[in-house]
Protein backbone atom coordinates (compact mmCIF):
# COMPACT_ATOMS: atom_id res chain seq x y z
CA MET A 1 17.15 -22.60 24.78
CA THR A 2 16.56 -19.67 22.44
CA THR A 3 13.60 -18.31 20.49
CA LEU A 4 14.22 -15.97 17.56
CA PHE A 5 12.13 -13.05 16.29
CA ILE A 6 12.44 -11.13 13.03
CA SER A 7 10.16 -8.80 11.07
CA ASP A 8 10.02 -6.28 8.25
CA LEU A 9 12.42 -8.05 5.94
CA HIS A 10 10.56 -6.65 2.90
CA LEU A 11 12.12 -9.34 0.73
CA ASP A 12 12.45 -8.26 -2.89
CA LEU A 13 14.63 -9.44 -5.77
CA VAL A 14 16.04 -5.92 -6.11
CA ARG A 15 17.82 -6.50 -2.77
CA PRO A 16 19.40 -9.95 -3.20
CA ASP A 17 21.91 -9.34 -0.40
CA ILE A 18 19.10 -9.36 2.19
CA ILE A 19 17.77 -12.64 0.82
CA GLU A 20 21.28 -14.09 1.12
CA ILE A 21 21.55 -12.95 4.76
CA LEU A 22 18.24 -14.66 5.47
CA GLU A 23 19.38 -17.86 3.78
CA ARG A 24 22.52 -17.99 5.92
CA PHE A 25 20.57 -17.11 9.06
CA ILE A 26 18.13 -19.97 8.53
CA ALA A 27 20.77 -22.54 7.60
CA ASN A 28 23.28 -21.61 10.32
CA GLU A 29 21.20 -20.33 13.24
CA ALA A 30 17.44 -20.71 13.01
CA ILE A 31 17.57 -24.49 12.66
CA TYR A 32 19.06 -24.71 16.18
CA ALA A 33 16.45 -22.47 17.87
CA ASP A 34 13.39 -23.59 19.79
CA ALA A 35 11.28 -21.58 17.35
CA LEU A 36 11.42 -18.77 14.80
CA TYR A 37 8.75 -16.06 14.74
CA ILE A 38 8.32 -13.77 11.72
CA LEU A 39 6.14 -10.84 12.77
CA GLY A 40 5.01 -9.51 9.42
CA ASP A 41 6.19 -7.76 6.26
CA LEU A 42 8.30 -10.71 5.23
CA PHE A 43 7.81 -9.55 1.64
CA GLU A 44 7.78 -6.09 0.10
CA ALA A 45 4.40 -7.00 -1.38
CA TRP A 46 2.23 -10.10 -1.64
CA ILE A 47 -0.68 -10.24 -4.07
CA GLY A 48 -1.84 -13.80 -3.35
CA ASP A 49 -0.52 -17.32 -3.03
CA ASP A 50 -1.16 -17.92 -6.75
CA SER A 51 1.18 -15.12 -7.79
CA GLU A 52 4.06 -17.47 -8.69
CA ASP A 53 6.32 -14.94 -7.01
CA GLU A 54 10.03 -15.66 -7.56
CA THR A 55 10.95 -14.13 -4.21
CA GLY A 56 8.43 -16.38 -2.51
CA GLN A 57 9.86 -19.45 -4.20
CA ARG A 58 13.33 -18.50 -3.07
CA PHE A 59 12.04 -18.13 0.48
CA ILE A 60 10.47 -21.59 0.34
CA ALA A 61 13.84 -22.99 -0.77
CA ALA A 62 15.64 -21.08 2.00
CA MET A 63 13.30 -22.59 4.59
CA LYS A 64 14.13 -26.17 3.56
CA PRO A 65 16.64 -26.67 6.43
CA MET A 66 13.94 -25.63 8.93
CA ARG A 67 11.48 -28.11 7.47
CA GLU A 68 14.05 -30.89 7.43
CA ALA A 69 15.07 -30.16 11.02
CA ARG A 70 11.37 -29.96 12.01
CA ARG A 71 11.94 -26.60 13.68
CA PRO A 72 8.73 -24.59 14.21
CA CYS A 73 8.29 -21.30 12.40
CA PHE A 74 5.35 -18.99 13.11
CA TYR A 75 4.26 -16.23 10.78
CA MET A 76 2.10 -13.18 11.56
CA HIS A 77 0.71 -10.99 8.78
CA GLY A 78 2.10 -7.51 8.23
CA ASN A 79 0.69 -4.58 6.32
CA ARG A 80 2.55 -5.54 3.13
CA ASP A 81 1.79 -9.27 3.04
CA PHE A 82 -1.58 -9.72 4.76
CA LEU A 83 -2.80 -11.74 1.73
CA LEU A 84 -0.30 -14.52 2.40
CA GLY A 85 -2.41 -17.62 2.97
CA GLU A 86 -2.35 -21.20 4.16
CA ARG A 87 -1.17 -22.52 0.80
CA PHE A 88 2.09 -20.59 0.85
CA ALA A 89 2.56 -20.96 4.61
CA LYS A 90 2.32 -24.75 4.31
CA ALA A 91 4.78 -24.85 1.42
CA ALA A 92 7.27 -22.80 3.41
CA GLY A 93 6.74 -24.76 6.63
CA MET A 94 5.17 -21.93 8.60
CA THR A 95 2.21 -21.82 10.97
CA LEU A 96 0.00 -18.75 10.63
CA LEU A 97 -0.38 -16.82 13.87
CA PRO A 98 -3.23 -14.38 14.59
CA ASP A 99 -2.42 -10.75 15.28
CA PRO A 100 -2.37 -10.27 18.25
CA SER A 101 -1.25 -13.47 19.97
CA VAL A 102 0.08 -14.27 23.43
CA VAL A 103 2.82 -16.89 23.73
CA ASP A 104 4.74 -18.26 26.69
CA LEU A 105 8.45 -17.54 26.42
CA TYR A 106 10.22 -19.57 29.07
CA GLY A 107 7.61 -18.73 31.67
CA VAL A 108 7.01 -15.13 30.60
CA PRO A 109 3.68 -14.54 28.80
CA THR A 110 4.42 -12.23 25.88
CA LEU A 111 2.14 -10.35 23.50
CA LEU A 112 3.13 -10.55 19.83
CA MET A 113 1.86 -8.09 17.21
CA HIS A 114 2.97 -6.80 13.84
CA GLY A 115 2.53 -3.32 15.28
CA ASP A 116 0.51 -1.48 12.65
CA SER A 117 -2.70 -1.72 14.67
CA LEU A 118 -0.97 0.30 17.42
CA CYS A 119 -0.53 3.31 15.11
CA VAL A 120 -4.06 4.50 15.80
CA ASP A 121 -3.26 8.17 15.11
CA ASP A 122 -2.91 7.32 11.41
CA THR A 123 -6.66 7.18 10.89
CA ALA A 124 -6.48 6.90 7.09
CA TYR A 125 -4.31 3.80 7.32
CA GLN A 126 -6.46 2.25 10.06
CA ALA A 127 -9.55 2.63 7.88
CA PHE A 128 -7.80 0.84 5.02
CA ARG A 129 -6.47 -1.81 7.38
CA THR A 130 -9.96 -2.63 8.62
CA GLN A 131 -11.32 -2.77 5.09
CA SER A 132 -8.52 -4.83 3.56
CA ARG A 133 -8.57 -7.49 6.29
CA SER A 134 -12.24 -8.29 5.66
CA PRO A 135 -13.27 -11.30 3.52
CA GLY A 136 -15.62 -8.98 1.64
CA TRP A 137 -12.61 -7.02 0.34
CA GLN A 138 -10.16 -9.89 -0.07
CA ARG A 139 -12.37 -12.27 -2.05
CA PRO A 140 -13.03 -9.90 -4.99
CA PHE A 141 -9.45 -8.62 -4.89
CA LEU A 142 -7.99 -12.13 -5.15
CA ALA A 143 -10.42 -12.85 -7.99
CA ARG A 144 -8.71 -10.17 -10.11
CA THR A 145 -6.00 -11.13 -12.57
CA ARG A 146 -2.42 -11.23 -11.31
CA ALA A 147 -1.59 -8.25 -13.52
CA GLU A 148 -4.40 -6.21 -11.96
CA ARG A 149 -3.34 -7.13 -8.46
CA GLN A 150 0.29 -6.34 -9.21
CA ALA A 151 -0.68 -2.92 -10.55
CA PHE A 152 -2.69 -2.26 -7.37
CA ALA A 153 0.27 -3.28 -5.21
CA GLU A 154 2.63 -0.99 -7.12
CA GLN A 155 0.27 1.94 -6.74
CA ALA A 156 -0.23 1.19 -3.03
CA ARG A 157 3.54 1.10 -2.54
CA LYS A 158 3.95 4.51 -4.18
CA GLU A 159 1.19 5.95 -2.01
CA SER A 160 2.83 4.48 1.07
CA GLN A 161 6.19 5.99 0.15
CA ARG A 162 4.62 9.44 -0.31
CA HIS A 163 2.77 9.07 2.98
CA THR A 164 5.93 8.02 4.80
CA ALA A 165 8.01 10.80 3.28
CA ALA A 166 5.66 13.54 4.47
CA GLU A 167 7.27 15.12 7.52
CA GLN A 168 3.95 15.82 9.21
CA ASN A 169 3.14 12.10 9.15
CA ALA A 170 6.22 11.03 11.16
CA ALA A 171 4.49 11.21 14.53
CA ILE A 172 1.19 9.60 13.56
CA MET A 173 2.97 6.64 11.97
CA ASP A 174 4.57 5.60 15.25
CA VAL A 175 2.69 3.64 17.89
CA ASN A 176 0.31 5.42 20.22
CA ALA A 177 1.41 5.13 23.87
CA ASP A 178 -2.15 4.61 25.12
CA ALA A 179 -2.74 1.94 22.47
CA VAL A 180 0.33 0.06 23.73
CA VAL A 181 -0.90 0.16 27.35
CA ASN A 182 -4.39 -0.88 26.30
CA ALA A 183 -3.06 -3.81 24.27
CA LEU A 184 -0.94 -5.05 27.17
CA ASN A 185 -3.83 -4.69 29.61
CA ARG A 186 -6.27 -6.50 27.32
CA ALA A 187 -3.80 -9.36 26.97
CA GLY A 188 -3.05 -9.35 30.70
CA VAL A 189 0.72 -9.37 30.13
CA ARG A 190 3.64 -7.01 30.68
CA ARG A 191 5.78 -7.71 27.64
CA LEU A 192 5.13 -6.82 24.00
CA ILE A 193 7.19 -7.66 20.92
CA HIS A 194 6.31 -6.02 17.59
CA GLY A 195 7.75 -4.69 14.35
CA HIS A 196 6.32 -2.34 11.70
CA THR A 197 7.73 1.01 12.86
CA HIS A 198 11.36 0.27 11.85
CA ARG A 199 12.52 1.85 15.11
CA PRO A 200 14.31 -0.99 16.96
CA ALA A 201 14.61 -0.57 20.71
CA ILE A 202 13.76 -2.11 24.06
CA HIS A 203 11.49 0.31 25.95
CA ALA A 204 10.98 0.06 29.71
CA LEU A 205 7.43 0.98 30.73
CA ASP A 206 5.54 1.51 33.96
CA ILE A 207 1.91 0.39 33.87
CA ASP A 208 -0.08 0.93 37.04
CA GLY A 209 3.11 0.79 39.05
CA LYS A 210 4.29 -2.46 37.48
CA PRO A 211 7.28 -2.79 35.13
CA ALA A 212 6.62 -3.67 31.50
CA HIS A 213 8.65 -3.84 28.28
CA ARG A 214 7.98 -3.05 24.64
CA ILE A 215 10.51 -4.57 22.26
CA VAL A 216 10.54 -3.18 18.72
CA LEU A 217 12.13 -5.30 16.01
CA SER A 218 14.33 -3.89 13.27
CA ASP A 219 13.66 -3.79 9.55
CA TRP A 220 16.13 -5.48 7.19
CA PHE A 221 16.73 -2.65 4.74
CA GLN A 222 20.41 -2.19 5.62
CA SER A 223 21.24 -5.46 7.36
CA GLY A 224 19.61 -8.34 9.14
CA GLU A 225 18.72 -8.03 12.80
CA VAL A 226 17.24 -10.61 15.13
CA LEU A 227 15.79 -10.61 18.62
CA ARG A 228 16.98 -13.54 20.66
CA VAL A 229 14.96 -14.45 23.72
CA SER A 230 16.82 -17.01 25.80
CA GLN A 231 16.48 -18.58 29.20
CA ASP A 232 19.29 -18.60 31.73
CA ASP A 233 18.05 -20.43 34.81
CA THR A 234 14.77 -18.59 35.51
CA GLU A 235 15.63 -15.34 33.73
CA SER A 236 14.40 -14.60 30.26
CA ARG A 237 17.00 -12.50 28.48
CA LEU A 238 16.51 -10.26 25.47
CA PHE A 239 19.15 -9.49 22.86
CA LEU A 240 18.73 -7.37 19.71
CA GLU A 241 21.66 -8.34 17.50
CA LYS A 242 22.72 -7.57 13.96
CA LEU A 243 23.44 -10.43 11.60
CA HIS A 244 26.55 -10.49 9.46
C-alpha cells in the first residue's frame, strides 16, 4: 500500500526529458499506487482550459494508463497553474483538491498544501495571490484572447524570475515558521506535505511538546522526485526518492 506525491514539475515543451520521466513514472509506477497526488505547479504556466496547450495534451495522453487502471489522481492548484479547471482535470482523469486539504494516510491525518500561502513574508506575492484567486479577477482574465493571456503569462514569468533572482528575496520566499505551526494547528494535525519552495526535505518539528513533520517536495527541473508514503503494519513510512 503506497500513496505517491509530486509537485512543481513545471512541465514545458522546452524540457521534453522531464515529460518523458513523467510518462514512464505514470506507466510503470503510479498505476500500481493507491493514489497519486500532484500538489501544484504541474505546468510552467496555464492560461485556461481553452488554451489548446500542447503540453497539456501530452499530459492527458500520459495519464491514459491511470484512467484505464482507474487509479485516483488528485490535483491541487499551484501558483503557476491556478487557472486549471474542471474541464482539463476531467480530461486528464484528475480530481481537484482544495488548498489546504486534510487526508487520511494509512491512519495518519495529513495536511496537504501547495505551500505558497505559507510564504507570508512575501507580502507582494500574497497580495497578488489573493487577487488572482478571486472570481472577480479570473472571469475577466479568462475572457481575454488566448494571445493576451499568453502575453500576460510570459510577463508574469519574467517578473517572477527577477523576483526570485534577487538575493534579498531569498528569505521571504521560503515558508514562515509561524505560518507552518498555525496551519498545522488550524487543521488539528501534526504532519504537513507541501511543495512550492523547491527545497526538498523532511523537517522534524516540536509543536507544544508534540512531534510533528513538514515534508517538502522537490521540483522537477533536474530530475523527477517522488514522495512515497507507505504502510508497514501500523507505521506510515516516508521516502523521498529520485526517479530515473
